[in-house]
Amino acid sequence: MNIFIDTEVMRFVTEKELRQEFEQLKREQPEEYAYTFEQYVQNCTSKNGTLEEI
């Protein structure tokens, strides 16, 4: 299981927690989050993202 650190609030996030957050966002805003979990992780860990994989 992957673990990430949210550099914006300095807290650890597990892959399971991140997946749950993504699924909730997809339910609430399906048109904005119309992509896969893997793409979501890529977006969150990209240059402008706030997650860093540990």
PDB file of N, CA and C in Angstrom:
ATOM      1  N   MET A   1       0.850  -1.186   0.000  1.00  0.00           N
ATOM      2  CA  MET A   1       0.000   0.000   0.000  1.00  0.00           C
ATOM      3  C   MET A   1       0.890   1.241   0.000  1.00  0.00           C
ATOM      4  N   ASN A   2       0.559   2.181  -0.845  1.00  0.00           N
ATOM      5  CA  ASN A   2       1.324   3.421  -0.945  1.00  0.00           C
ATOM      6  C   ASN A   2       0.893   4.399   0.136  1.00  0.00           C
ATOM      7  N   ILE A   3       1.861   5.192   0.561  1.00  0.00           N
ATOM      8  CA  ILE A   3       1.596   6.249   1.538  1.00  0.00           C
ATOM      9  C   ILE A   3       2.092   7.556   0.932  1.00  0.00           C
ATOM     10  N   PHE A   4       1.322   8.597   1.150  1.00  0.00           N
ATOM     11  CA  PHE A   4       1.638   9.914   0.614  1.00  0.00           C
ATOM     12  C   PHE A   4       1.692  10.905   1.765  1.00  0.00           C
ATOM     13  N   ILE A   5       2.352  12.027   1.526  1.00  0.00           N
ATOM     14  CA  ILE A   5       2.286  13.133   2.468  1.00  0.00           C
ATOM     15  C   ILE A   5       1.640  14.302   1.735  1.00  0.00           C
ATOM     16  N   ASP A   6       0.663  14.890   2.390  1.00  0.00           N
ATOM     17  CA  ASP A   6       0.000  16.073   1.849  1.00  0.00           C
ATOM     18  C   ASP A   6       0.841  17.262   2.289  1.00  0.00           C
ATOM     19  N   THR A   7       1.572  17.852   1.361  1.00  0.00           N
ATOM     20  CA  THR A   7       2.508  18.923   1.701  1.00  0.00           C
ATOM     21  C   THR A   7       1.810  20.236   2.047  1.00  0.00           C
ATOM     22  N   GLU A   8       0.538  20.330   1.747  1.00  0.00           N
ATOM     23  CA  GLU A   8      -0.212  21.544   2.070  1.00  0.00           C
ATOM     24  C   GLU A   8      -0.557  21.594   3.556  1.00  0.00           C
ATOM     25  N   VAL A   9      -0.941  20.455   4.120  1.00  0.00           N
ATOM     26  CA  VAL A   9      -1.336  20.408   5.539  1.00  0.00           C
ATOM     27  C   VAL A   9      -0.403  19.532   6.371  1.00  0.00           C
ATOM     28  N   MET A  10       0.644  18.983   5.732  1.00  0.00           N
ATOM     29  CA  MET A  10       1.650  18.160   6.402  1.00  0.00           C
ATOM     30  C   MET A  10       1.041  16.997   7.181  1.00  0.00           C
ATOM     31  N   ARG A  11       0.289  16.146   6.454  1.00  0.00           N
ATOM     32  CA  ARG A  11      -0.259  14.942   7.079  1.00  0.00           C
ATOM     33  C   ARG A  11      -0.084  13.771   6.127  1.00  0.00           C
ATOM     34  N   PHE A  12       0.007  12.580   6.712  1.00  0.00           N
ATOM     35  CA  PHE A  12       0.148  11.363   5.930  1.00  0.00           C
ATOM     36  C   PHE A  12      -1.217  10.899   5.447  1.00  0.00           C
ATOM     37  N   VAL A  13      -1.246  10.360   4.233  1.00  0.00           N
ATOM     38  CA  VAL A  13      -2.475   9.861   3.621  1.00  0.00           C
ATOM     39  C   VAL A  13      -2.164   8.496   3.010  1.00  0.00           C
ATOM     40  N   THR A  14      -2.984   7.505   3.338  1.00  0.00           N
ATOM     41  CA  THR A  14      -2.795   6.185   2.731  1.00  0.00           C
ATOM     42  C   THR A  14      -3.501   6.144   1.377  1.00  0.00           C
ATOM     43  N   GLU A  15      -3.132   5.161   0.582  1.00  0.00           N
ATOM     44  CA  GLU A  15      -3.788   4.984  -0.715  1.00  0.00           C
ATOM     45  C   GLU A  15      -5.279   4.718  -0.529  1.00  0.00           C
ATOM     46  N   LYS A  16      -5.621   3.974   0.508  1.00  0.00           N
ATOM     47  CA  LYS A  16      -7.030   3.679   0.792  1.00  0.00           C
ATOM     48  C   LYS A  16      -7.807   4.966   1.074  1.00  0.00           C
ATOM     49  N   GLU A  17      -7.243   5.844   1.899  1.00  0.00           N
ATOM     50  CA  GLU A  17      -7.905   7.119   2.203  1.00  0.00           C
ATOM     51  C   GLU A  17      -8.041   7.974   0.949  1.00  0.00           C
ATOM     52  N   LEU A  18      -7.004   7.983   0.145  1.00  0.00           N
ATOM     53  CA  LEU A  18      -7.023   8.763  -1.087  1.00  0.00           C
ATOM     54  C   LEU A  18      -8.086   8.240  -2.045  1.00  0.00           C
ATOM     55  N   ARG A  19      -8.195   6.922  -2.142  1.00  0.00           N
ATOM     56  CA  ARG A  19      -9.211   6.312  -3.010  1.00  0.00           C
ATOM     57  C   ARG A  19     -10.618   6.665  -2.514  1.00  0.00           C
ATOM     58  N   GLN A  20     -10.830   6.635  -1.205  1.00  0.00           N
ATOM     59  CA  GLN A  20     -12.141   6.988  -0.645  1.00  0.00           C
ATOM     60  C   GLN A  20     -12.478   8.443  -0.953  1.00  0.00           C
ATOM     61  N   GLU A  21     -11.492   9.316  -0.816  1.00  0.00           N
ATOM     62  CA  GLU A  21     -11.696  10.732  -1.130  1.00  0.00           C
ATOM     63  C   GLU A  21     -12.057  10.908  -2.606  1.00  0.00           C
ATOM     64  N   PHE A  22     -11.349  10.194  -3.473  1.00  0.00           N
ATOM     65  CA  PHE A  22     -11.613  10.270  -4.913  1.00  0.00           C
ATOM     66  C   PHE A  22     -13.021   9.787  -5.244  1.00  0.00           C
ATOM     67  N   GLU A  23     -13.426   8.665  -4.666  1.00  0.00           N
ATOM     68  CA  GLU A  23     -14.767   8.131  -4.928  1.00  0.00           C
ATOM     69  C   GLU A  23     -15.845   9.113  -4.472  1.00  0.00           C
ATOM     70  N   GLN A  24     -15.622   9.774  -3.352  1.00  0.00           N
ATOM     71  CA  GLN A  24     -16.583  10.770  -2.868  1.00  0.00           C
ATOM     72  C   GLN A  24     -16.641  11.960  -3.830  1.00  0.00           C
ATOM     73  N   LEU A  25     -15.495  12.420  -4.277  1.00  0.00           N
ATOM     74  CA  LEU A  25     -15.461  13.532  -5.232  1.00  0.00           C
ATOM     75  C   LEU A  25     -16.168  13.163  -6.530  1.00  0.00           C
ATOM     76  N   LYS A  26     -15.974  11.925  -6.998  1.00  0.00           N
ATOM     77  CA  LYS A  26     -16.651  11.471  -8.222  1.00  0.00           C
ATOM     78  C   LYS A  26     -18.162  11.466  -8.051  1.00  0.00           C
ATOM     79  N   ARG A  27     -18.637  11.079  -6.879  1.00  0.00           N
ATOM     80  CA  ARG A  27     -20.090  11.077  -6.628  1.00  0.00           C
ATOM     81  C   ARG A  27     -20.640  12.497  -6.584  1.00  0.00           C
ATOM     82  N   GLU A  28     -19.902  13.403  -5.954  1.00  0.00           N
ATOM     83  CA  GLU A  28     -20.373  14.774  -5.774  1.00  0.00           C
ATOM     84  C   GLU A  28     -20.198  15.637  -7.025  1.00  0.00           C
ATOM     85  N   GLN A  29     -19.136  15.382  -7.793  1.00  0.00           N
ATOM     86  CA  GLN A  29     -18.820  16.205  -8.961  1.00  0.00           C
ATOM     87  C   GLN A  29     -18.393  15.317 -10.132  1.00  0.00           C
ATOM     88  N   PRO A  30     -19.304  14.498 -10.646  1.00  0.00           N
ATOM     89  CA  PRO A  30     -18.922  13.520 -11.674  1.00  0.00           C
ATOM     90  C   PRO A  30     -18.345  14.134 -12.949  1.00  0.00           C
ATOM     91  N   GLU A  31     -18.808  15.299 -13.341  1.00  0.00           N
ATOM     92  CA  GLU A  31     -18.299  15.909 -14.569  1.00  0.00           C
ATOM     93  C   GLU A  31     -16.873  16.425 -14.391  1.00  0.00           C
ATOM     94  N   GLU A  32     -16.515  16.836 -13.200  1.00  0.00           N
ATOM     95  CA  GLU A  32     -15.172  17.354 -12.947  1.00  0.00           C
ATOM     96  C   GLU A  32     -14.154  16.237 -12.697  1.00  0.00           C
ATOM     97  N   TYR A  33     -14.614  15.108 -12.177  1.00  0.00           N
ATOM     98  CA  TYR A  33     -13.723  13.989 -11.859  1.00  0.00           C
ATOM     99  C   TYR A  33     -14.037  12.781 -12.741  1.00  0.00           C
ATOM    100  N   ALA A  34     -14.127  13.023 -14.037  1.00  0.00           N
ATOM    101  CA  ALA A  34     -14.453  11.962 -14.998  1.00  0.00           C
ATOM    102  C   ALA A  34     -13.182  11.297 -15.517  1.00  0.00           C
ATOM    103  N   TYR A  35     -12.361  10.824 -14.592  1.00  0.00           N
ATOM    104  CA  TYR A  35     -11.151  10.105 -14.972  1.00  0.00           C
ATOM    105  C   TYR A  35     -10.852   9.040 -13.926  1.00  0.00           C
ATOM    106  N   THR A  36      -9.801   8.271 -14.132  1.00  0.00           N
ATOM    107  CA  THR A  36      -9.512   7.129 -13.263  1.00  0.00           C
ATOM    108  C   THR A  36      -8.792   7.558 -11.986  1.00  0.00           C
ATOM    109  N   PHE A  37      -8.775   6.654 -11.031  1.00  0.00           N
ATOM    110  CA  PHE A  37      -8.058   6.897  -9.781  1.00  0.00           C
ATOM    111  C   PHE A  37      -6.563   7.109 -10.055  1.00  0.00           C
ATOM    112  N   GLU A  38      -6.009   6.336 -10.968  1.00  0.00           N
ATOM    113  CA  GLU A  38      -4.591   6.461 -11.300  1.00  0.00           C
ATOM    114  C   GLU A  38      -4.280   7.850 -11.858  1.00  0.00           C
ATOM    115  N   GLN A  39      -5.184   8.376 -12.686  1.00  0.00           N
ATOM    116  CA  GLN A  39      -5.001   9.728 -13.214  1.00  0.00           C
ATOM    117  C   GLN A  39      -5.121  10.761 -12.096  1.00  0.00           C
ATOM    118  N   TYR A  40      -6.016  10.514 -11.159  1.00  0.00           N
ATOM    119  CA  TYR A  40      -6.179  11.399 -10.002  1.00  0.00           C
ATOM    120  C   TYR A  40      -4.879  11.459  -9.200  1.00  0.00           C
ATOM    121  N   VAL A  41      -4.278  10.301  -8.951  1.00  0.00           N
ATOM    122  CA  VAL A  41      -3.012  10.253  -8.209  1.00  0.00           C
ATOM    123  C   VAL A  41      -1.926  11.003  -8.980  1.00  0.00           C
ATOM    124  N   GLN A  42      -1.874  10.809 -10.298  1.00  0.00           N
ATOM    125  CA  GLN A  42      -0.892  11.530 -11.116  1.00  0.00           C
ATOM    126  C   GLN A  42      -1.078  13.035 -10.985  1.00  0.00           C
ATOM    127  N   ASN A  43      -2.326  13.482 -11.034  1.00  0.00           N
ATOM    128  CA  ASN A  43      -2.608  14.913 -10.898  1.00  0.00           C
ATOM    129  C   ASN A  43      -2.180  15.431  -9.530  1.00  0.00           C
ATOM    130  N   CYS A  44      -2.456  14.658  -8.495  1.00  0.00           N
ATOM    131  CA  CYS A  44      -2.151  15.082  -7.125  1.00  0.00           C
ATOM    132  C   CYS A  44      -0.656  15.082  -6.829  1.00  0.00           C
ATOM    133  N   THR A  45       0.104  14.256  -7.540  1.00  0.00           N
ATOM    134  CA  THR A  45       1.541  14.170  -7.286  1.00  0.00           C
ATOM    135  C   THR A  45       2.368  14.905  -8.344  1.00  0.00           C
ATOM    136  N   SER A  46       1.701  15.573  -9.272  1.00  0.00           N
ATOM    137  CA  SER A  46       2.414  16.315 -10.317  1.00  0.00           C
ATOM    138  C   SER A  46       3.076  17.557  -9.719  1.00  0.00           C
ATOM    139  N   LYS A  47       3.742  18.293 -10.556  1.00  0.00           N
ATOM    140  CA  LYS A  47       4.476  19.489 -10.126  1.00  0.00           C
ATOM    141  C   LYS A  47       3.601  20.459  -9.332  1.00  0.00           C
ATOM    142  N   ASN A  48       2.358  20.642  -9.743  1.00  0.00           N
ATOM    143  CA  ASN A  48       1.462  21.588  -9.073  1.00  0.00           C
ATOM    144  C   ASN A  48       0.583  20.936  -8.013  1.00  0.00           C
ATOM    145  N   GLY A  49       0.738  19.632  -7.799  1.00  0.00           N
ATOM    146  CA  GLY A  49      -0.076  18.917  -6.817  1.00  0.00           C
ATOM    147  C   GLY A  49       0.453  19.093  -5.402  1.00  0.00           C
ATOM    148  N   THR A  50      -0.330  18.627  -4.437  1.00  0.00           N
ATOM    149  CA  THR A  50       0.063  18.780  -3.035  1.00  0.00           C
ATOM    150  C   THR A  50       0.443  17.461  -2.380  1.00  0.00           C
ATOM    151  N   LEU A  51       0.445  16.363  -3.143  1.00  0.00           N
ATOM    152  CA  LEU A  51       0.821  15.070  -2.570  1.00  0.00           C
ATOM    153  C   LEU A  51       2.201  14.648  -3.051  1.00  0.00           C
ATOM    154  N   GLU A  52       2.900  13.982  -2.150  1.00  0.00           N
ATOM    155  CA  GLU A  52       4.206  13.431  -2.470  1.00  0.00           C
ATOM    156  C   GLU A  52       4.225  11.992  -1.984  1.00  0.00           C
ATOM    157  N   GLU A  53       4.571  11.066  -2.879  1.00  0.00           N
ATOM    158  CA  GLU A  53       4.612   9.660  -2.482  1.00  0.00           C
ATOM    159  C   GLU A  53       5.864   9.410  -1.650  1.00  0.00           C
ATOM    160  N   ILE A  54       5.673   8.662  -0.565  1.00  0.00           N
ATOM    161  CA  ILE A  54       6.798   8.359   0.337  1.00  0.00           C
ATOM    162  C   ILE A  54       7.290   6.957   0.050  1.00  0.00           C
TER     163      ILE A  54
END
